[in-house]
Amino acid sequence: MTTPKHCPGFEQFKNLKSFTCNCPECNAPKEIFSDEFEKNHNCDKCGAEIDFTTCTYDAG
C-alpha cells in the first residue's frame, strides 16, 4: 500500500477555477467556483442577488 500524495477526492476538484464578483448593491466581493455558475448567489453582506454572468474575469 502506498501513501497518497493528496487528499482523496482531489482529482474531481483540481480543475476548478475561482471567480470574484462585486455585489451590485453594496460592492462587497463574492467568490464562487467554476462549478457553481448554474446556482443562484446572494451577497453575504446585504443579501442582494448577484448575477455572475455580468461580472468580468480578472486573470491571476
N, C-alpha and C. Protein backbone atom coordinates (compact mmCIF):
# COMPACT_ATOMS: atom_id res chain seq x y z
N MET A 1 0.84 -1.18 0.00
CA MET A 1 0.00 0.00 0.00
C MET A 1 0.89 1.25 0.00
N THR A 2 0.52 2.23 -0.82
CA THR A 2 1.31 3.46 -0.89
C THR A 2 0.56 4.61 -0.21
N THR A 3 1.31 5.58 0.22
CA THR A 3 0.72 6.76 0.84
C THR A 3 0.29 7.74 -0.25
N PRO A 4 -0.99 8.20 -0.23
CA PRO A 4 -1.42 9.15 -1.26
C PRO A 4 -0.68 10.48 -1.14
N LYS A 5 -0.50 11.15 -2.26
CA LYS A 5 0.21 12.43 -2.28
C LYS A 5 -0.73 13.61 -2.13
N HIS A 6 -2.03 13.35 -2.11
CA HIS A 6 -3.03 14.41 -1.92
C HIS A 6 -4.28 13.80 -1.31
N CYS A 7 -5.21 14.64 -0.93
CA CYS A 7 -6.43 14.18 -0.27
C CYS A 7 -7.28 13.33 -1.22
N PRO A 8 -7.99 12.33 -0.70
CA PRO A 8 -8.92 11.57 -1.54
C PRO A 8 -9.98 12.51 -2.11
N GLY A 9 -10.36 12.32 -3.34
CA GLY A 9 -11.35 13.17 -3.98
C GLY A 9 -10.76 14.39 -4.66
N PHE A 10 -9.46 14.59 -4.52
CA PHE A 10 -8.79 15.75 -5.10
C PHE A 10 -8.97 15.82 -6.62
N GLU A 11 -8.92 14.70 -7.28
CA GLU A 11 -8.97 14.67 -8.75
C GLU A 11 -10.19 15.37 -9.31
N GLN A 12 -11.35 15.21 -8.67
CA GLN A 12 -12.57 15.81 -9.21
C GLN A 12 -12.61 17.33 -9.05
N PHE A 13 -11.76 17.90 -8.20
CA PHE A 13 -11.77 19.34 -7.97
C PHE A 13 -10.52 20.06 -8.47
N LYS A 14 -9.55 19.37 -9.00
CA LYS A 14 -8.28 20.01 -9.34
C LYS A 14 -8.38 20.99 -10.49
N ASN A 15 -9.41 20.93 -11.30
CA ASN A 15 -9.55 21.85 -12.44
C ASN A 15 -10.50 23.02 -12.16
N LEU A 16 -10.99 23.14 -10.94
CA LEU A 16 -11.90 24.23 -10.61
C LEU A 16 -11.17 25.57 -10.62
N LYS A 17 -11.85 26.59 -11.05
CA LYS A 17 -11.33 27.96 -11.03
C LYS A 17 -12.23 28.77 -10.10
N SER A 18 -11.66 29.77 -9.44
CA SER A 18 -12.48 30.63 -8.60
C SER A 18 -12.63 31.99 -9.28
N PHE A 19 -13.78 32.60 -9.08
CA PHE A 19 -14.11 33.89 -9.66
C PHE A 19 -14.65 34.79 -8.56
N THR A 20 -14.34 36.06 -8.63
CA THR A 20 -14.85 37.02 -7.67
C THR A 20 -15.63 38.10 -8.42
N CYS A 21 -16.79 38.44 -7.87
CA CYS A 21 -17.63 39.48 -8.45
C CYS A 21 -18.08 40.38 -7.31
N ASN A 22 -18.20 41.67 -7.58
CA ASN A 22 -18.68 42.58 -6.56
C ASN A 22 -20.19 42.69 -6.61
N CYS A 23 -20.80 42.80 -5.45
CA CYS A 23 -22.25 42.94 -5.33
C CYS A 23 -22.68 44.24 -6.01
N PRO A 24 -23.76 44.19 -6.81
CA PRO A 24 -24.22 45.41 -7.47
C PRO A 24 -24.82 46.43 -6.50
N GLU A 25 -25.20 45.99 -5.31
CA GLU A 25 -25.83 46.88 -4.33
C GLU A 25 -24.82 47.52 -3.37
N CYS A 26 -23.95 46.69 -2.76
CA CYS A 26 -23.05 47.21 -1.72
C CYS A 26 -21.57 47.09 -2.09
N ASN A 27 -21.28 46.53 -3.25
CA ASN A 27 -19.92 46.40 -3.77
C ASN A 27 -19.04 45.42 -2.98
N ALA A 28 -19.62 44.60 -2.13
CA ALA A 28 -18.86 43.59 -1.39
C ALA A 28 -18.45 42.47 -2.34
N PRO A 29 -17.24 41.94 -2.22
CA PRO A 29 -16.80 40.85 -3.10
C PRO A 29 -17.46 39.53 -2.73
N LYS A 30 -17.74 38.72 -3.74
CA LYS A 30 -18.31 37.38 -3.54
C LYS A 30 -17.53 36.43 -4.43
N GLU A 31 -17.03 35.34 -3.87
CA GLU A 31 -16.27 34.36 -4.63
C GLU A 31 -17.12 33.14 -4.90
N ILE A 32 -17.05 32.63 -6.12
CA ILE A 32 -17.66 31.35 -6.45
C ILE A 32 -16.65 30.54 -7.24
N PHE A 33 -16.94 29.25 -7.37
CA PHE A 33 -16.10 28.36 -8.15
C PHE A 33 -16.77 28.02 -9.47
N SER A 34 -15.98 27.61 -10.42
CA SER A 34 -16.46 27.39 -11.78
C SER A 34 -17.57 26.35 -11.90
N ASP A 35 -17.73 25.49 -10.91
CA ASP A 35 -18.82 24.51 -10.96
C ASP A 35 -20.10 25.03 -10.33
N GLU A 36 -20.14 26.31 -9.92
CA GLU A 36 -21.31 26.89 -9.26
C GLU A 36 -22.04 27.92 -10.10
N PHE A 37 -21.70 28.06 -11.39
CA PHE A 37 -22.33 29.09 -12.21
C PHE A 37 -23.83 28.88 -12.38
N GLU A 38 -24.30 27.67 -12.33
CA GLU A 38 -25.72 27.39 -12.54
C GLU A 38 -26.56 27.65 -11.29
N LYS A 39 -25.94 27.92 -10.17
CA LYS A 39 -26.65 28.16 -8.91
C LYS A 39 -26.93 29.64 -8.72
N ASN A 40 -27.95 29.96 -7.92
CA ASN A 40 -28.23 31.34 -7.55
C ASN A 40 -27.28 31.75 -6.44
N HIS A 41 -26.84 33.02 -6.48
CA HIS A 41 -25.90 33.52 -5.48
C HIS A 41 -26.40 34.83 -4.92
N ASN A 42 -26.28 34.97 -3.60
CA ASN A 42 -26.65 36.20 -2.92
C ASN A 42 -25.44 36.73 -2.17
N CYS A 43 -25.40 38.05 -2.04
CA CYS A 43 -24.32 38.71 -1.32
C CYS A 43 -24.36 38.30 0.15
N ASP A 44 -23.19 37.99 0.70
CA ASP A 44 -23.11 37.61 2.11
C ASP A 44 -23.35 38.81 3.03
N LYS A 45 -23.13 40.00 2.52
CA LYS A 45 -23.25 41.20 3.35
C LYS A 45 -24.67 41.77 3.36
N CYS A 46 -25.26 41.99 2.17
CA CYS A 46 -26.58 42.64 2.13
C CYS A 46 -27.70 41.73 1.64
N GLY A 47 -27.35 40.57 1.07
CA GLY A 47 -28.37 39.62 0.63
C GLY A 47 -28.86 39.82 -0.79
N ALA A 48 -28.37 40.83 -1.50
CA ALA A 48 -28.80 41.08 -2.87
C ALA A 48 -28.35 39.95 -3.78
N GLU A 49 -29.14 39.68 -4.81
CA GLU A 49 -28.78 38.64 -5.78
C GLU A 49 -27.63 39.13 -6.65
N ILE A 50 -26.67 38.25 -6.92
CA ILE A 50 -25.52 38.58 -7.76
C ILE A 50 -25.60 37.75 -9.03
N ASP A 51 -25.55 38.43 -10.16
CA ASP A 51 -25.57 37.76 -11.46
C ASP A 51 -24.13 37.66 -11.96
N PHE A 52 -23.54 36.48 -11.84
CA PHE A 52 -22.15 36.30 -12.23
C PHE A 52 -21.93 36.36 -13.73
N THR A 53 -22.99 36.31 -14.52
CA THR A 53 -22.80 36.42 -15.97
C THR A 53 -22.46 37.85 -16.37
N THR A 54 -22.66 38.82 -15.48
CA THR A 54 -22.34 40.21 -15.78
C THR A 54 -20.98 40.61 -15.23
N CYS A 55 -20.30 39.71 -14.55
CA CYS A 55 -19.01 40.01 -13.95
C CYS A 55 -17.90 39.87 -14.98
N THR A 56 -16.79 40.53 -14.72
CA THR A 56 -15.62 40.40 -15.58
C THR A 56 -14.63 39.47 -14.90
N TYR A 57 -13.85 38.78 -15.70
CA TYR A 57 -12.87 37.84 -15.20
C TYR A 57 -11.53 38.53 -15.12
N ASP A 58 -10.91 38.48 -13.95
CA ASP A 58 -9.57 39.02 -13.77
C ASP A 58 -8.60 37.86 -13.67
N ALA A 59 -7.77 37.71 -14.68
CA ALA A 59 -6.81 36.60 -14.67
C ALA A 59 -5.74 36.85 -13.62
N GLY A 60 -5.34 35.78 -12.98
CA GLY A 60 -4.31 35.96 -11.99
C GLY A 60 -3.79 34.68 -11.43
